[in-house]
């Protein structure tokens, strides 16, 4: 469990499949503005449960960490650390998606900040990277509020819904006063 003021943030588990399916179905149209469609076949109890099984295996292998952000008994967001490299680079790539209904309440900023701090302080990472579609103003604001800085701009880099979109690249390093030294971390989440 990762500490946060209002949210409970923890690794995804197969027991979360019913709540996660409800979250994904409610927000499908909202998410598909910005991310690739999972296709209609994904939105079944069995497929969501299988995706959570895979997420648990990836977490045990320390390859990817899939977190769910809960407000009470409802999922309000997902945060993922992908491509975790704990040798030489000490890095991961951050991804997230949050409920449209809960937008503007600071949940995404709170959760992304908490996961970033956890990645530095507990996992021993040095760098977290993220990509944001240039027109996604809400996500750009989250990056900036969470201490990420832009380091790149790829023009016409992503084809989404028949339109080429620019991608902006962000990074944050473990140089905040609350973050611990690289490589001193336990593998525990």
N, C-alpha and C. Protein backbone atom coordinates (compact mmCIF):
# COMPACT_ATOMS: atom_id res chain seq x y z
N UNK A 1 0.85 -1.18 0.00
CA UNK A 1 0.00 0.00 0.00
C UNK A 1 0.89 1.24 0.00
N UNK A 2 0.52 2.21 -0.79
CA UNK A 2 1.24 3.48 -0.87
C UNK A 2 0.42 4.53 -0.14
N UNK A 3 1.07 5.31 0.67
CA UNK A 3 0.33 6.31 1.44
C UNK A 3 -0.02 7.52 0.59
N UNK A 4 -1.22 8.02 0.81
CA UNK A 4 -1.75 9.18 0.11
C UNK A 4 -2.80 9.79 1.04
N UNK A 5 -3.02 11.07 0.92
CA UNK A 5 -3.94 11.77 1.83
C UNK A 5 -5.37 11.22 1.76
N UNK A 6 -5.91 11.06 0.56
CA UNK A 6 -7.32 10.67 0.41
C UNK A 6 -7.53 9.32 -0.22
N UNK A 7 -6.49 8.79 -0.86
CA UNK A 7 -6.65 7.57 -1.66
C UNK A 7 -5.94 6.38 -1.03
N UNK A 8 -6.42 5.21 -1.34
CA UNK A 8 -5.71 3.97 -1.05
C UNK A 8 -5.12 3.52 -2.38
N UNK A 9 -3.82 3.40 -2.46
CA UNK A 9 -3.14 3.03 -3.71
C UNK A 9 -2.40 1.74 -3.43
N UNK A 10 -2.73 0.70 -4.20
CA UNK A 10 -2.08 -0.59 -3.99
C UNK A 10 -1.98 -1.34 -5.31
N UNK A 11 -1.13 -2.35 -5.29
CA UNK A 11 -0.98 -3.18 -6.49
C UNK A 11 -2.29 -3.85 -6.84
N UNK A 12 -2.56 -3.95 -8.14
CA UNK A 12 -3.77 -4.60 -8.62
C UNK A 12 -3.72 -6.09 -8.30
N UNK A 13 -4.88 -6.66 -8.02
CA UNK A 13 -5.02 -8.08 -7.68
C UNK A 13 -6.24 -8.63 -8.39
N UNK A 14 -6.26 -9.92 -8.64
CA UNK A 14 -7.40 -10.53 -9.36
C UNK A 14 -8.72 -10.30 -8.63
N UNK A 15 -8.69 -10.12 -7.32
CA UNK A 15 -9.91 -9.83 -6.57
C UNK A 15 -10.53 -8.49 -6.96
N UNK A 16 -9.78 -7.66 -7.66
CA UNK A 16 -10.25 -6.34 -8.07
C UNK A 16 -10.99 -6.36 -9.41
N UNK A 17 -11.18 -7.54 -9.99
CA UNK A 17 -11.68 -7.60 -11.37
C UNK A 17 -13.06 -6.98 -11.55
N UNK A 18 -13.98 -7.18 -10.63
CA UNK A 18 -15.32 -6.62 -10.78
C UNK A 18 -15.28 -5.10 -10.75
N UNK A 19 -14.57 -4.54 -9.77
CA UNK A 19 -14.46 -3.07 -9.67
C UNK A 19 -13.70 -2.50 -10.86
N UNK A 20 -12.66 -3.21 -11.32
CA UNK A 20 -11.89 -2.71 -12.44
C UNK A 20 -12.70 -2.73 -13.73
N UNK A 21 -13.48 -3.78 -13.94
CA UNK A 21 -14.33 -3.83 -15.14
C UNK A 21 -15.32 -2.68 -15.12
N UNK A 22 -15.92 -2.38 -13.98
CA UNK A 22 -16.86 -1.26 -13.89
C UNK A 22 -16.15 0.06 -14.23
N UNK A 23 -14.95 0.24 -13.68
CA UNK A 23 -14.16 1.44 -13.96
C UNK A 23 -13.84 1.57 -15.45
N UNK A 24 -13.39 0.49 -16.06
CA UNK A 24 -13.03 0.52 -17.48
C UNK A 24 -14.25 0.76 -18.37
N UNK A 25 -15.37 0.11 -18.06
CA UNK A 25 -16.57 0.30 -18.88
C UNK A 25 -17.09 1.73 -18.77
N UNK A 26 -17.12 2.27 -17.56
CA UNK A 26 -17.62 3.63 -17.36
C UNK A 26 -16.77 4.65 -18.12
N UNK A 27 -15.48 4.41 -18.22
CA UNK A 27 -14.55 5.39 -18.78
C UNK A 27 -14.02 5.04 -20.17
N UNK A 28 -14.54 3.99 -20.77
CA UNK A 28 -13.99 3.53 -22.05
C UNK A 28 -13.91 4.63 -23.09
N UNK A 29 -14.98 5.32 -23.33
CA UNK A 29 -15.00 6.38 -24.36
C UNK A 29 -14.01 7.50 -24.00
N UNK A 30 -13.99 7.86 -22.73
CA UNK A 30 -13.07 8.91 -22.26
C UNK A 30 -11.61 8.49 -22.49
N UNK A 31 -11.27 7.26 -22.11
CA UNK A 31 -9.88 6.78 -22.25
C UNK A 31 -9.46 6.67 -23.71
N UNK A 32 -10.37 6.21 -24.56
CA UNK A 32 -9.99 5.96 -25.96
C UNK A 32 -9.75 7.23 -26.75
N UNK A 33 -9.99 8.39 -26.16
CA UNK A 33 -9.54 9.65 -26.78
C UNK A 33 -8.03 9.74 -26.77
N UNK A 34 -7.40 9.10 -25.75
CA UNK A 34 -5.99 9.30 -25.49
C UNK A 34 -5.14 8.04 -25.60
N UNK A 35 -5.74 6.88 -25.43
CA UNK A 35 -4.97 5.63 -25.48
C UNK A 35 -5.59 4.69 -26.50
N UNK A 36 -4.83 3.69 -26.89
CA UNK A 36 -5.32 2.71 -27.87
C UNK A 36 -6.49 1.93 -27.27
N UNK A 37 -7.45 1.64 -28.12
CA UNK A 37 -8.60 0.83 -27.70
C UNK A 37 -8.14 -0.58 -27.35
N UNK A 38 -8.72 -1.12 -26.33
CA UNK A 38 -8.43 -2.51 -25.97
C UNK A 38 -9.30 -3.47 -26.78
N UNK A 39 -10.26 -2.94 -27.51
CA UNK A 39 -11.17 -3.76 -28.28
C UNK A 39 -12.29 -4.29 -27.40
N UNK A 40 -13.41 -4.59 -28.01
CA UNK A 40 -14.60 -5.03 -27.27
C UNK A 40 -14.35 -6.31 -26.48
N UNK A 41 -13.49 -7.18 -26.96
CA UNK A 41 -13.25 -8.46 -26.30
C UNK A 41 -12.66 -8.29 -24.90
N UNK A 42 -11.97 -7.19 -24.63
CA UNK A 42 -11.36 -6.99 -23.32
C UNK A 42 -12.41 -6.85 -22.22
N UNK A 43 -13.55 -6.26 -22.53
CA UNK A 43 -14.52 -5.85 -21.52
C UNK A 43 -15.45 -6.98 -21.09
N UNK A 44 -14.84 -8.05 -20.60
CA UNK A 44 -15.58 -9.17 -20.01
C UNK A 44 -14.93 -9.51 -18.68
N UNK A 45 -15.68 -10.09 -17.75
CA UNK A 45 -15.09 -10.45 -16.46
C UNK A 45 -13.86 -11.36 -16.60
N UNK A 46 -13.93 -12.34 -17.48
CA UNK A 46 -12.80 -13.26 -17.64
C UNK A 46 -11.55 -12.57 -18.18
N UNK A 47 -11.71 -11.69 -19.16
CA UNK A 47 -10.55 -11.01 -19.74
C UNK A 47 -9.93 -10.00 -18.78
N UNK A 48 -10.75 -9.31 -18.03
CA UNK A 48 -10.21 -8.37 -17.04
C UNK A 48 -9.47 -9.15 -15.95
N UNK A 49 -10.05 -10.27 -15.49
CA UNK A 49 -9.38 -11.10 -14.49
C UNK A 49 -8.05 -11.62 -15.02
N UNK A 50 -8.02 -12.04 -16.28
CA UNK A 50 -6.76 -12.53 -16.87
C UNK A 50 -5.73 -11.40 -16.96
N UNK A 51 -6.16 -10.19 -17.30
CA UNK A 51 -5.22 -9.07 -17.36
C UNK A 51 -4.64 -8.80 -15.97
N UNK A 52 -5.43 -8.99 -14.94
CA UNK A 52 -4.94 -8.81 -13.58
C UNK A 52 -3.99 -9.93 -13.16
N UNK A 53 -4.25 -11.13 -13.63
CA UNK A 53 -3.31 -12.25 -13.37
C UNK A 53 -1.95 -11.92 -13.99
N UNK A 54 -1.97 -11.44 -15.22
CA UNK A 54 -0.73 -11.07 -15.89
C UNK A 54 -0.03 -9.93 -15.14
N UNK A 55 -0.80 -8.96 -14.65
CA UNK A 55 -0.22 -7.84 -13.90
C UNK A 55 0.44 -8.35 -12.62
N UNK A 56 -0.17 -9.32 -11.96
CA UNK A 56 0.44 -9.89 -10.75
C UNK A 56 1.75 -10.61 -11.08
N UNK A 57 1.77 -11.35 -12.18
CA UNK A 57 3.00 -12.04 -12.58
C UNK A 57 4.09 -11.01 -12.88
N UNK A 58 3.75 -9.94 -13.62
CA UNK A 58 4.73 -8.91 -13.95
C UNK A 58 5.25 -8.21 -12.69
N UNK A 59 4.39 -8.02 -11.69
CA UNK A 59 4.83 -7.41 -10.43
C UNK A 59 5.79 -8.34 -9.69
N UNK A 60 5.49 -9.62 -9.66
CA UNK A 60 6.39 -10.57 -8.99
C UNK A 60 7.75 -10.61 -9.67
N UNK A 61 7.76 -10.44 -10.99
CA UNK A 61 9.01 -10.45 -11.76
C UNK A 61 9.68 -9.07 -11.75
N UNK A 62 9.05 -8.08 -11.09
CA UNK A 62 9.57 -6.71 -11.02
C UNK A 62 9.78 -6.10 -12.41
N UNK A 63 8.90 -6.46 -13.36
CA UNK A 63 8.95 -5.89 -14.70
C UNK A 63 8.01 -4.70 -14.87
N UNK A 64 6.81 -4.85 -14.31
CA UNK A 64 5.80 -3.80 -14.36
C UNK A 64 5.03 -3.84 -13.04
N UNK A 65 4.61 -2.66 -12.61
CA UNK A 65 3.80 -2.56 -11.41
C UNK A 65 2.51 -1.83 -11.78
N UNK A 66 1.39 -2.50 -11.58
CA UNK A 66 0.08 -1.96 -11.91
C UNK A 66 -0.64 -1.61 -10.61
N UNK A 67 -0.82 -0.32 -10.36
CA UNK A 67 -1.46 0.15 -9.14
C UNK A 67 -2.89 0.60 -9.44
N UNK A 68 -3.75 0.42 -8.46
CA UNK A 68 -5.11 0.95 -8.52
C UNK A 68 -5.25 1.99 -7.42
N UNK A 69 -5.87 3.11 -7.76
CA UNK A 69 -6.15 4.17 -6.79
C UNK A 69 -7.63 4.09 -6.43
N UNK A 70 -7.88 3.89 -5.16
CA UNK A 70 -9.24 3.72 -4.64
C UNK A 70 -9.63 4.94 -3.82
N UNK A 71 -10.86 5.39 -4.02
CA UNK A 71 -11.48 6.36 -3.14
C UNK A 71 -12.68 5.65 -2.53
N UNK A 72 -12.56 5.29 -1.27
CA UNK A 72 -13.57 4.43 -0.66
C UNK A 72 -13.52 3.06 -1.31
N UNK A 73 -14.67 2.59 -1.79
CA UNK A 73 -14.73 1.26 -2.42
C UNK A 73 -14.78 1.34 -3.95
N UNK A 74 -14.37 2.48 -4.50
CA UNK A 74 -14.43 2.70 -5.94
C UNK A 74 -13.05 3.01 -6.50
N UNK A 75 -12.72 2.40 -7.63
CA UNK A 75 -11.48 2.71 -8.33
C UNK A 75 -11.67 4.04 -9.05
N UNK A 76 -10.73 4.97 -8.82
CA UNK A 76 -10.78 6.25 -9.51
C UNK A 76 -9.64 6.39 -10.50
N UNK A 77 -8.65 5.47 -10.44
CA UNK A 77 -7.54 5.57 -11.37
C UNK A 77 -6.63 4.36 -11.36
N UNK A 78 -5.84 4.29 -12.42
CA UNK A 78 -4.81 3.26 -12.58
C UNK A 78 -3.49 3.96 -12.85
N UNK A 79 -2.43 3.46 -12.24
CA UNK A 79 -1.09 4.00 -12.46
C UNK A 79 -0.19 2.80 -12.73
N UNK A 80 0.64 2.88 -13.76
CA UNK A 80 1.50 1.76 -14.11
C UNK A 80 2.94 2.24 -14.25
N UNK A 81 3.85 1.46 -13.71
CA UNK A 81 5.28 1.65 -13.96
C UNK A 81 5.71 0.49 -14.85
N UNK A 82 6.09 0.79 -16.09
CA UNK A 82 6.48 -0.23 -17.07
C UNK A 82 7.98 -0.14 -17.35
N UNK A 83 8.49 -1.23 -17.89
CA UNK A 83 9.89 -1.24 -18.31
C UNK A 83 10.84 -0.95 -17.18
N UNK A 84 10.57 -1.49 -16.02
CA UNK A 84 11.40 -1.22 -14.85
C UNK A 84 12.80 -1.81 -15.07
N UNK A 85 13.80 -0.97 -14.92
CA UNK A 85 15.20 -1.38 -15.05
C UNK A 85 15.93 -0.98 -13.78
N UNK A 86 16.34 -1.98 -13.01
CA UNK A 86 17.03 -1.71 -11.75
C UNK A 86 18.53 -1.93 -11.85
N UNK A 87 19.03 -2.05 -13.06
CA UNK A 87 20.47 -2.16 -13.27
C UNK A 87 20.86 -1.07 -14.26
N UNK A 88 21.91 -0.39 -13.99
CA UNK A 88 22.46 0.67 -14.84
C UNK A 88 21.55 1.89 -14.94
N UNK A 89 20.32 1.74 -15.40
CA UNK A 89 19.44 2.88 -15.66
C UNK A 89 18.58 3.29 -14.47
N UNK A 90 18.15 2.35 -13.67
CA UNK A 90 17.29 2.62 -12.51
C UNK A 90 16.11 3.50 -12.91
N UNK A 91 15.34 3.02 -13.89
CA UNK A 91 14.27 3.82 -14.48
C UNK A 91 13.01 3.01 -14.70
N UNK A 92 11.94 3.71 -15.00
CA UNK A 92 10.67 3.10 -15.41
C UNK A 92 9.89 4.15 -16.20
N UNK A 93 8.88 3.67 -16.92
CA UNK A 93 7.99 4.55 -17.66
C UNK A 93 6.64 4.55 -16.97
N UNK A 94 6.13 5.74 -16.72
CA UNK A 94 4.88 5.93 -16.01
C UNK A 94 3.72 6.06 -16.99
N UNK A 95 2.61 5.42 -16.66
CA UNK A 95 1.37 5.61 -17.38
C UNK A 95 0.24 5.71 -16.37
N UNK A 96 -0.83 6.40 -16.72
CA UNK A 96 -1.95 6.52 -15.79
C UNK A 96 -3.21 6.87 -16.55
N UNK A 97 -4.33 6.56 -15.92
CA UNK A 97 -5.63 6.96 -16.42
C UNK A 97 -6.57 7.11 -15.23
N UNK A 98 -7.37 8.15 -15.26
CA UNK A 98 -8.27 8.44 -14.15
C UNK A 98 -9.67 8.69 -14.64
N UNK A 99 -10.62 8.38 -13.80
CA UNK A 99 -12.04 8.49 -14.10
C UNK A 99 -12.42 9.90 -14.53
N UNK A 100 -13.20 10.00 -15.59
CA UNK A 100 -13.69 11.30 -16.05
C UNK A 100 -14.59 11.93 -14.98
N UNK A 101 -15.39 11.12 -14.33
CA UNK A 101 -16.33 11.62 -13.32
C UNK A 101 -15.62 12.22 -12.12
N UNK A 102 -14.41 11.76 -11.85
CA UNK A 102 -13.66 12.25 -10.70
C UNK A 102 -12.60 13.29 -11.09
N UNK A 103 -12.65 13.74 -12.34
CA UNK A 103 -11.66 14.71 -12.81
C UNK A 103 -11.78 16.04 -12.08
N UNK A 104 -10.65 16.74 -12.00
CA UNK A 104 -10.64 18.06 -11.40
C UNK A 104 -10.63 18.07 -9.88
N UNK A 105 -10.50 16.91 -9.26
CA UNK A 105 -10.51 16.83 -7.80
C UNK A 105 -9.12 16.57 -7.22
N UNK A 106 -8.11 16.50 -8.09
CA UNK A 106 -6.74 16.32 -7.63
C UNK A 106 -6.33 14.89 -7.36
N UNK A 107 -7.19 13.92 -7.65
CA UNK A 107 -6.85 12.52 -7.39
C UNK A 107 -5.66 12.06 -8.22
N UNK A 108 -5.65 12.43 -9.49
CA UNK A 108 -4.56 11.99 -10.36
C UNK A 108 -3.23 12.58 -9.89
N UNK A 109 -3.20 13.84 -9.58
CA UNK A 109 -1.98 14.48 -9.09
C UNK A 109 -1.51 13.82 -7.80
N UNK A 110 -2.43 13.58 -6.90
CA UNK A 110 -2.10 12.94 -5.62
C UNK A 110 -1.53 11.54 -5.83
N UNK A 111 -2.17 10.76 -6.67
CA UNK A 111 -1.74 9.38 -6.89
C UNK A 111 -0.42 9.30 -7.66
N UNK A 112 -0.27 10.09 -8.70
CA UNK A 112 0.98 10.08 -9.48
C UNK A 112 2.15 10.52 -8.59
N UNK A 113 1.95 11.54 -7.79
CA UNK A 113 3.00 11.97 -6.86
C UNK A 113 3.37 10.88 -5.88
N UNK A 114 2.37 10.20 -5.33
CA UNK A 114 2.63 9.14 -4.35
C UNK A 114 3.37 7.96 -4.99
N UNK A 115 2.97 7.57 -6.20
CA UNK A 115 3.64 6.45 -6.88
C UNK A 115 5.07 6.84 -7.25
N UNK A 116 5.28 8.07 -7.70
CA UNK A 116 6.65 8.52 -8.04
C UNK A 116 7.53 8.48 -6.79
N UNK A 117 7.04 9.01 -5.69
CA UNK A 117 7.81 8.99 -4.45
C UNK A 117 8.13 7.55 -4.05
N UNK A 118 7.14 6.67 -4.15
CA UNK A 118 7.34 5.25 -3.82
C UNK A 118 8.41 4.63 -4.72
N UNK A 119 8.36 4.96 -6.02
CA UNK A 119 9.33 4.40 -6.97
C UNK A 119 10.75 4.81 -6.61
N UNK A 120 10.93 6.02 -6.14
CA UNK A 120 12.25 6.49 -5.75
C UNK A 120 12.65 5.97 -4.37
N UNK A 121 11.79 6.14 -3.40
CA UNK A 121 12.13 5.84 -2.01
C UNK A 121 12.16 4.35 -1.70
N UNK A 122 11.28 3.58 -2.32
CA UNK A 122 11.17 2.16 -1.98
C UNK A 122 11.75 1.24 -3.04
N UNK A 123 11.53 1.58 -4.31
CA UNK A 123 12.01 0.72 -5.39
C UNK A 123 13.45 1.04 -5.80
N UNK A 124 13.95 2.19 -5.39
CA UNK A 124 15.33 2.56 -5.69
C UNK A 124 15.54 3.07 -7.10
N UNK A 125 14.49 3.57 -7.75
CA UNK A 125 14.64 4.10 -9.10
C UNK A 125 15.23 5.51 -9.05
N UNK A 126 15.88 5.91 -10.12
CA UNK A 126 16.47 7.23 -10.24
C UNK A 126 15.66 8.13 -11.17
N UNK A 127 15.03 7.53 -12.19
CA UNK A 127 14.38 8.32 -13.24
C UNK A 127 13.03 7.68 -13.58
N UNK A 128 12.03 8.52 -13.74
CA UNK A 128 10.73 8.09 -14.25
C UNK A 128 10.44 8.94 -15.47
N UNK A 129 10.04 8.28 -16.54
CA UNK A 129 9.70 8.97 -17.79
C UNK A 129 8.20 8.80 -18.06
N UNK A 130 7.65 9.70 -18.84
CA UNK A 130 6.24 9.60 -19.24
C UNK A 130 6.07 10.29 -20.59
N UNK A 131 5.08 9.82 -21.35
CA UNK A 131 4.71 10.44 -22.61
C UNK A 131 3.28 10.95 -22.48
N UNK A 132 3.03 12.13 -23.03
CA UNK A 132 1.69 12.71 -22.98
C UNK A 132 1.37 13.25 -24.36
N UNK A 133 0.15 12.98 -24.83
CA UNK A 133 -0.30 13.58 -26.09
C UNK A 133 -0.40 15.09 -25.88
N UNK A 134 0.14 15.84 -26.81
CA UNK A 134 0.27 17.30 -26.65
C UNK A 134 -1.06 18.00 -26.39
N UNK A 135 -2.16 17.46 -26.88
CA UNK A 135 -3.47 18.09 -26.69
C UNK A 135 -4.15 17.69 -25.39
N UNK A 136 -3.54 16.82 -24.62
CA UNK A 136 -4.15 16.35 -23.37
C UNK A 136 -3.74 17.31 -22.24
N UNK A 137 -4.44 18.42 -22.16
CA UNK A 137 -4.08 19.50 -21.24
C UNK A 137 -4.17 19.06 -19.77
N UNK A 138 -5.12 18.22 -19.43
CA UNK A 138 -5.23 17.74 -18.05
C UNK A 138 -4.00 16.94 -17.67
N UNK A 139 -3.56 16.06 -18.54
CA UNK A 139 -2.39 15.23 -18.25
C UNK A 139 -1.11 16.07 -18.21
N UNK A 140 -1.03 17.08 -19.06
CA UNK A 140 0.13 17.98 -19.02
C UNK A 140 0.20 18.71 -17.68
N UNK A 141 -0.94 19.12 -17.16
CA UNK A 141 -0.97 19.80 -15.86
C UNK A 141 -0.54 18.85 -14.75
N UNK A 142 -0.96 17.60 -14.83
CA UNK A 142 -0.57 16.61 -13.82
C UNK A 142 0.95 16.44 -13.83
N UNK A 143 1.52 16.32 -15.00
CA UNK A 143 2.97 16.16 -15.09
C UNK A 143 3.69 17.31 -14.39
N UNK A 144 3.28 18.51 -14.68
CA UNK A 144 3.95 19.68 -14.11
C UNK A 144 3.74 19.77 -12.60
N UNK A 145 2.52 19.50 -12.14
CA UNK A 145 2.23 19.55 -10.70
C UNK A 145 3.02 18.49 -9.93
N UNK A 146 3.36 17.39 -10.60
CA UNK A 146 4.06 16.28 -9.94
C UNK A 146 5.57 16.38 -10.09
N UNK A 147 6.07 17.49 -10.57
CA UNK A 147 7.51 17.71 -10.62
C UNK A 147 8.21 17.14 -11.84
N UNK A 148 7.47 16.78 -12.88
CA UNK A 148 8.07 16.29 -14.12
C UNK A 148 8.40 17.49 -15.01
N UNK A 149 9.49 17.36 -15.76
CA UNK A 149 9.85 18.40 -16.72
C UNK A 149 9.89 17.80 -18.12
N UNK A 150 9.53 18.62 -19.08
CA UNK A 150 9.52 18.16 -20.47
C UNK A 150 10.94 18.13 -21.01
N UNK A 151 11.28 17.04 -21.71
CA UNK A 151 12.60 16.96 -22.32
C UNK A 151 12.55 16.65 -23.81
N UNK A 152 11.37 16.48 -24.36
CA UNK A 152 11.31 16.19 -25.79
C UNK A 152 9.92 16.41 -26.37
N UNK A 153 9.90 16.52 -27.71
CA UNK A 153 8.66 16.72 -28.45
C UNK A 153 8.77 15.94 -29.76
N UNK A 154 7.91 14.98 -29.93
CA UNK A 154 7.87 14.20 -31.17
C UNK A 154 6.65 14.63 -31.98
N UNK A 155 6.87 15.14 -33.17
CA UNK A 155 5.80 15.63 -34.02
C UNK A 155 5.16 14.48 -34.79
N UNK A 156 3.84 14.51 -34.88
CA UNK A 156 3.07 13.49 -35.62
C UNK A 156 3.58 12.09 -35.29
N UNK A 157 3.63 11.77 -34.02
CA UNK A 157 4.25 10.53 -33.56
C UNK A 157 3.25 9.41 -33.29
N UNK A 158 1.97 9.74 -33.18
CA UNK A 158 0.98 8.75 -32.78
C UNK A 158 -0.29 8.94 -33.59
N UNK A 159 -0.76 7.87 -34.20
CA UNK A 159 -2.01 7.92 -34.95
C UNK A 159 -3.13 7.46 -34.03
N UNK A 160 -4.03 8.36 -33.68
CA UNK A 160 -5.14 8.04 -32.79
C UNK A 160 -6.42 8.54 -33.42
N UNK A 161 -7.37 7.63 -33.61
CA UNK A 161 -8.68 7.97 -34.18
C UNK A 161 -8.55 8.70 -35.51
N UNK A 162 -7.62 8.23 -36.35
CA UNK A 162 -7.44 8.78 -37.69
C UNK A 162 -6.69 10.11 -37.75
N UNK A 163 -6.12 10.54 -36.64
CA UNK A 163 -5.44 11.83 -36.60
C UNK A 163 -4.03 11.64 -36.02
N UNK A 164 -3.03 12.24 -36.67
CA UNK A 164 -1.67 12.20 -36.14
C UNK A 164 -1.53 13.21 -35.01
N UNK A 165 -0.97 12.75 -33.91
CA UNK A 165 -0.83 13.59 -32.73
C UNK A 165 0.63 13.69 -32.32
N UNK A 166 0.98 14.83 -31.73
CA UNK A 166 2.31 15.03 -31.18
C UNK A 166 2.39 14.42 -29.79
N UNK A 167 3.58 13.92 -29.44
CA UNK A 167 3.84 13.41 -28.10
C UNK A 167 4.87 14.29 -27.42
N UNK A 168 4.65 14.56 -26.15
CA UNK A 168 5.60 15.29 -25.34
C UNK A 168 6.19 14.31 -24.33
N UNK A 169 7.50 14.39 -24.13
CA UNK A 169 8.21 13.48 -23.23
C UNK A 169 8.60 14.21 -21.96
N UNK A 170 8.32 13.56 -20.83
CA UNK A 170 8.59 14.14 -19.52
C UNK A 170 9.49 13.21 -18.70
N UNK A 171 10.18 13.80 -17.71
CA UNK A 171 11.03 13.03 -16.81
C UNK A 171 11.00 13.65 -15.42
N UNK A 172 11.26 12.80 -14.46
CA UNK A 172 11.47 13.26 -13.08
C UNK A 172 12.56 12.38 -12.50
N UNK A 173 13.45 13.01 -11.76
CA UNK A 173 14.55 12.29 -11.11
C UNK A 173 14.36 12.25 -9.60
N UNK A 174 15.03 11.32 -8.97
CA UNK A 174 14.95 11.15 -7.51
C UNK A 174 15.87 12.14 -6.82
N UNK A 175 15.67 13.41 -7.09
CA UNK A 175 16.51 14.41 -6.46
C UNK A 175 15.71 15.30 -5.51
N UNK A 176 14.50 14.91 -5.23
CA UNK A 176 13.70 15.64 -4.26
C UNK A 176 14.18 15.25 -2.86
N UNK A 177 14.07 16.14 -1.92
CA UNK A 177 14.61 15.91 -0.57
C UNK A 177 13.99 14.70 0.12
N UNK A 178 12.76 14.34 -0.24
CA UNK A 178 12.12 13.20 0.42
C UNK A 178 12.50 11.85 -0.19
N UNK A 179 13.20 11.85 -1.31
CA UNK A 179 13.56 10.61 -1.99
C UNK A 179 14.89 10.09 -1.46
N UNK A 180 15.03 8.76 -1.41
CA UNK A 180 16.25 8.16 -0.90
C UNK A 180 17.22 7.87 -2.03
N UNK A 181 18.41 7.45 -1.66
CA UNK A 181 19.48 7.18 -2.64
C UNK A 181 19.12 6.00 -3.53
N UNK A 182 19.58 6.07 -4.75
CA UNK A 182 19.36 5.03 -5.76
C UNK A 182 20.05 3.75 -5.33
N UNK A 183 19.37 2.64 -5.60
CA UNK A 183 19.96 1.33 -5.38
C UNK A 183 19.88 0.85 -3.94
N UNK A 184 19.37 1.67 -3.02
CA UNK A 184 19.29 1.25 -1.63
C UNK A 184 17.96 0.63 -1.30
N UNK A 185 17.16 0.42 -2.31
CA UNK A 185 15.78 0.02 -2.07
C UNK A 185 15.60 -1.48 -1.89
N UNK A 186 14.54 -1.78 -1.20
CA UNK A 186 14.06 -3.15 -1.06
C UNK A 186 13.18 -3.46 -2.27
N UNK A 187 13.06 -4.69 -2.70
CA UNK A 187 12.19 -5.02 -3.83
C UNK A 187 10.73 -5.03 -3.44
N UNK A 188 10.39 -4.83 -2.20
CA UNK A 188 8.99 -4.87 -1.76
C UNK A 188 8.23 -3.68 -2.30
N UNK A 189 6.93 -3.89 -2.57
CA UNK A 189 6.07 -2.81 -3.02
C UNK A 189 5.33 -2.29 -1.83
